[in-house]
Protein backbone atom coordinates (compact mmCIF):
# COMPACT_ATOMS: atom_id res chain seq x y z
CA UNK A 1 79.79 87.73 126.60
CA UNK A 2 80.13 88.35 130.04
CA UNK A 3 78.11 86.76 133.28
CA UNK A 4 75.12 88.23 133.91
CA UNK A 5 72.52 88.31 136.61
CA UNK A 6 69.78 90.55 135.90
CA UNK A 7 65.78 90.58 137.20
CA UNK A 8 62.79 91.88 135.26
CA UNK A 9 61.58 93.10 139.00
CA UNK A 10 64.36 95.91 139.36
CA UNK A 11 67.22 97.06 137.94
CA UNK A 12 71.11 96.56 139.36
CA UNK A 13 71.41 99.37 141.63
CA UNK A 14 67.52 100.11 141.98
CA UNK A 15 64.67 99.88 144.25
CA UNK A 16 63.35 96.73 144.95
CA UNK A 17 59.45 96.87 144.71
CA UNK A 18 57.53 96.02 147.77
CA UNK A 19 56.47 92.44 146.91
CA UNK A 20 59.80 90.87 147.42
CA UNK A 21 60.34 92.39 150.79
CA UNK A 22 58.70 91.44 154.75
CA UNK A 23 56.85 94.32 154.00
CA UNK A 24 55.56 92.76 151.04
CA UNK A 25 54.40 89.88 149.77
CA UNK A 26 58.24 88.06 150.64
CA UNK A 27 58.10 86.46 147.22
CA UNK A 28 61.30 85.66 146.09
CA UNK A 29 62.19 88.29 143.04
CA UNK A 30 62.11 86.51 139.41
CA UNK A 31 66.88 86.46 138.56
CA UNK A 32 68.24 85.15 134.76
CA UNK A 33 71.45 84.51 133.35
CA UNK A 34 73.67 84.86 130.39
CA UNK A 35 76.65 84.55 129.49
CA UNK A 36 77.53 81.48 131.62
CA UNK A 37 81.08 80.11 132.05
CA UNK A 38 82.03 77.59 129.99
CA UNK A 39 82.45 74.70 131.86
CA UNK A 40 79.77 75.02 133.97
CA UNK A 41 77.93 71.98 135.51
CA UNK A 42 76.28 74.21 138.54
CA UNK A 43 75.45 76.80 140.00
CA UNK A 44 75.19 78.48 143.70
CA UNK A 45 73.25 81.55 145.11
CA UNK A 46 73.94 83.79 147.80
CA UNK A 47 71.63 87.07 148.81
CA UNK A 48 72.90 89.02 151.63
CA UNK A 49 72.78 92.71 153.13
CA UNK A 50 76.00 94.37 153.85
CA UNK A 51 74.50 97.72 155.77
CA UNK A 52 72.21 95.30 158.54
CA UNK A 53 73.08 96.81 161.45
CA UNK A 54 74.65 93.77 163.25
CA UNK A 55 77.58 92.27 160.54
CA UNK A 56 75.96 91.22 156.94
CA UNK A 57 72.39 89.62 157.32
CA UNK A 58 72.17 86.41 155.06
CA UNK A 59 68.66 86.65 153.61
CA UNK A 60 69.53 83.35 151.09
CA UNK A 61 71.84 80.54 150.55
CA UNK A 62 70.71 77.96 147.07
CA UNK A 63 72.88 75.79 146.16
CA UNK A 64 73.77 72.13 143.79
CA UNK A 65 71.23 74.50 141.23
CA UNK A 66 71.80 72.37 138.17
CA UNK A 67 73.59 73.30 135.07
CA UNK A 68 70.61 73.84 132.87
CA UNK A 69 69.08 76.50 134.57
CA UNK A 70 68.85 79.91 133.87
CA UNK A 71 66.20 81.88 135.30
CA UNK A 72 64.13 81.85 138.72
CA UNK A 73 60.69 82.45 138.84
CA UNK A 74 59.27 84.82 140.76
CA UNK A 75 58.45 83.26 144.63
CA UNK A 76 60.97 80.01 143.81
CA UNK A 77 59.72 77.65 146.34
CA UNK A 78 62.23 75.95 149.25
CA UNK A 79 63.13 72.79 147.59
CA UNK A 80 63.13 74.03 143.30
CA UNK A 81 66.09 74.62 141.81
CA UNK A 82 68.49 73.55 144.09
CA UNK A 83 69.35 73.09 147.51
CA UNK A 84 68.92 75.68 150.56
CA UNK A 85 70.60 76.26 153.37
CA UNK A 86 69.22 78.20 156.34
CA UNK A 87 69.74 81.80 156.41
CA UNK A 88 69.52 84.23 159.39
CA UNK A 89 66.08 84.64 159.75
CA UNK A 90 66.57 80.48 160.67
CA UNK A 91 64.86 79.10 157.29
CA UNK A 92 65.75 77.17 155.13
CA UNK A 93 64.59 79.25 151.94
CA UNK A 94 64.42 83.09 150.90
CA UNK A 95 64.04 85.89 152.83
CA UNK A 96 63.42 89.06 151.91
CA UNK A 97 64.84 92.57 152.48
CA UNK A 98 63.69 93.82 156.03
CA UNK A 99 66.05 96.15 157.18
CA UNK A 100 64.78 98.10 160.68
CA UNK A 101 62.93 101.18 159.99
CA UNK A 102 64.57 104.68 159.77
CA UNK A 103 68.18 103.09 159.22
CA UNK A 104 68.11 104.04 156.18
CA UNK A 105 68.41 102.27 152.59
CA UNK A 106 69.87 98.68 152.52
CA UNK A 107 71.98 97.34 149.49
CA UNK A 108 71.04 93.70 148.96
CA UNK A 109 73.53 92.06 146.60
CA UNK A 110 72.51 88.09 144.94
CA UNK A 111 75.62 86.36 143.96
CA UNK A 112 76.26 83.57 141.88
CA UNK A 113 78.91 81.75 141.16
CA UNK A 114 79.09 79.26 138.09
CA UNK A 115 80.65 76.37 139.14
CA UNK A 116 82.76 73.39 137.61
CA UNK A 117 81.17 70.93 139.77
CA UNK A 118 77.67 69.92 139.54
CA UNK A 119 77.11 69.26 143.72
CA UNK A 120 79.03 70.64 146.51
CA UNK A 121 77.59 67.76 148.84
CA UNK A 122 77.15 69.71 152.00
CA UNK A 123 74.85 69.05 154.70
CA UNK A 124 73.86 72.03 156.42
CA UNK A 125 76.01 75.01 157.19
CA UNK A 126 76.24 78.63 157.07
CA UNK A 127 77.10 81.57 154.06
CA UNK A 128 80.59 81.94 155.42
CA UNK A 129 80.55 77.81 154.52
CA UNK A 130 78.86 78.18 151.37
CA UNK A 131 81.18 80.43 149.76
CA UNK A 132 84.18 78.29 151.81
CA UNK A 133 83.19 75.51 149.46
CA UNK A 134 82.38 77.39 145.86
CA UNK A 135 85.70 79.41 145.75
CA UNK A 136 87.85 76.60 144.34
CA UNK A 137 85.20 75.71 142.13
CA UNK A 138 84.10 79.64 141.17
CA UNK A 139 84.74 79.98 137.17
CA UNK A 140 83.06 83.06 137.30
CA UNK A 141 80.46 85.21 139.04
CA UNK A 142 77.39 87.28 138.03
CA UNK A 143 76.08 89.94 141.09
CA UNK A 144 73.04 91.89 140.97
CA UNK A 145 72.41 95.02 143.97
CA UNK A 146 68.85 96.10 144.91
CA UNK A 147 68.04 98.57 147.17
CA UNK A 148 65.31 98.99 150.32
CA UNK A 149 64.92 100.82 152.44
CA UNK A 150 62.06 101.08 155.19
CA UNK A 151 60.59 103.55 156.42
CA UNK A 152 57.76 104.86 159.23
CA UNK A 153 54.83 104.25 157.36
CA UNK A 154 56.85 101.49 154.77
CA UNK A 155 54.87 103.13 151.33
CA UNK A 156 57.41 101.03 149.19
CA UNK A 157 56.98 100.83 145.66
């Protein structure tokens, strides 16, 4: 069984509903994973927008997610489910899609790393530092990509 990451809120490659964006309630979407690689003792989640005008923009960094977790409900609060690092909004929590108006659709890649360690023991850091820390411990990755576009009227569903 392949390692997969899904959301009941949107399909892979589909549009992210407005409630999970800066135009809505800015809640984290529900996520679920299955097919976890054997030997997994923890997880790390990275959510980033590779289409941002200034380069990849980090929306969520979560690590030391316990091995017994198989999902996150909608609206995960800071401190729940693992340890958060500061995103590019300057907050240690989920920050929803918020591309510049009229910039076209952006992709938001949710990448879950299955790790062979329960704790990375980071104390602060950046996306690149988290990526470097997970690299030697990653047993597998699962990804989910959603899309969002802000129009001049931001009437999205």
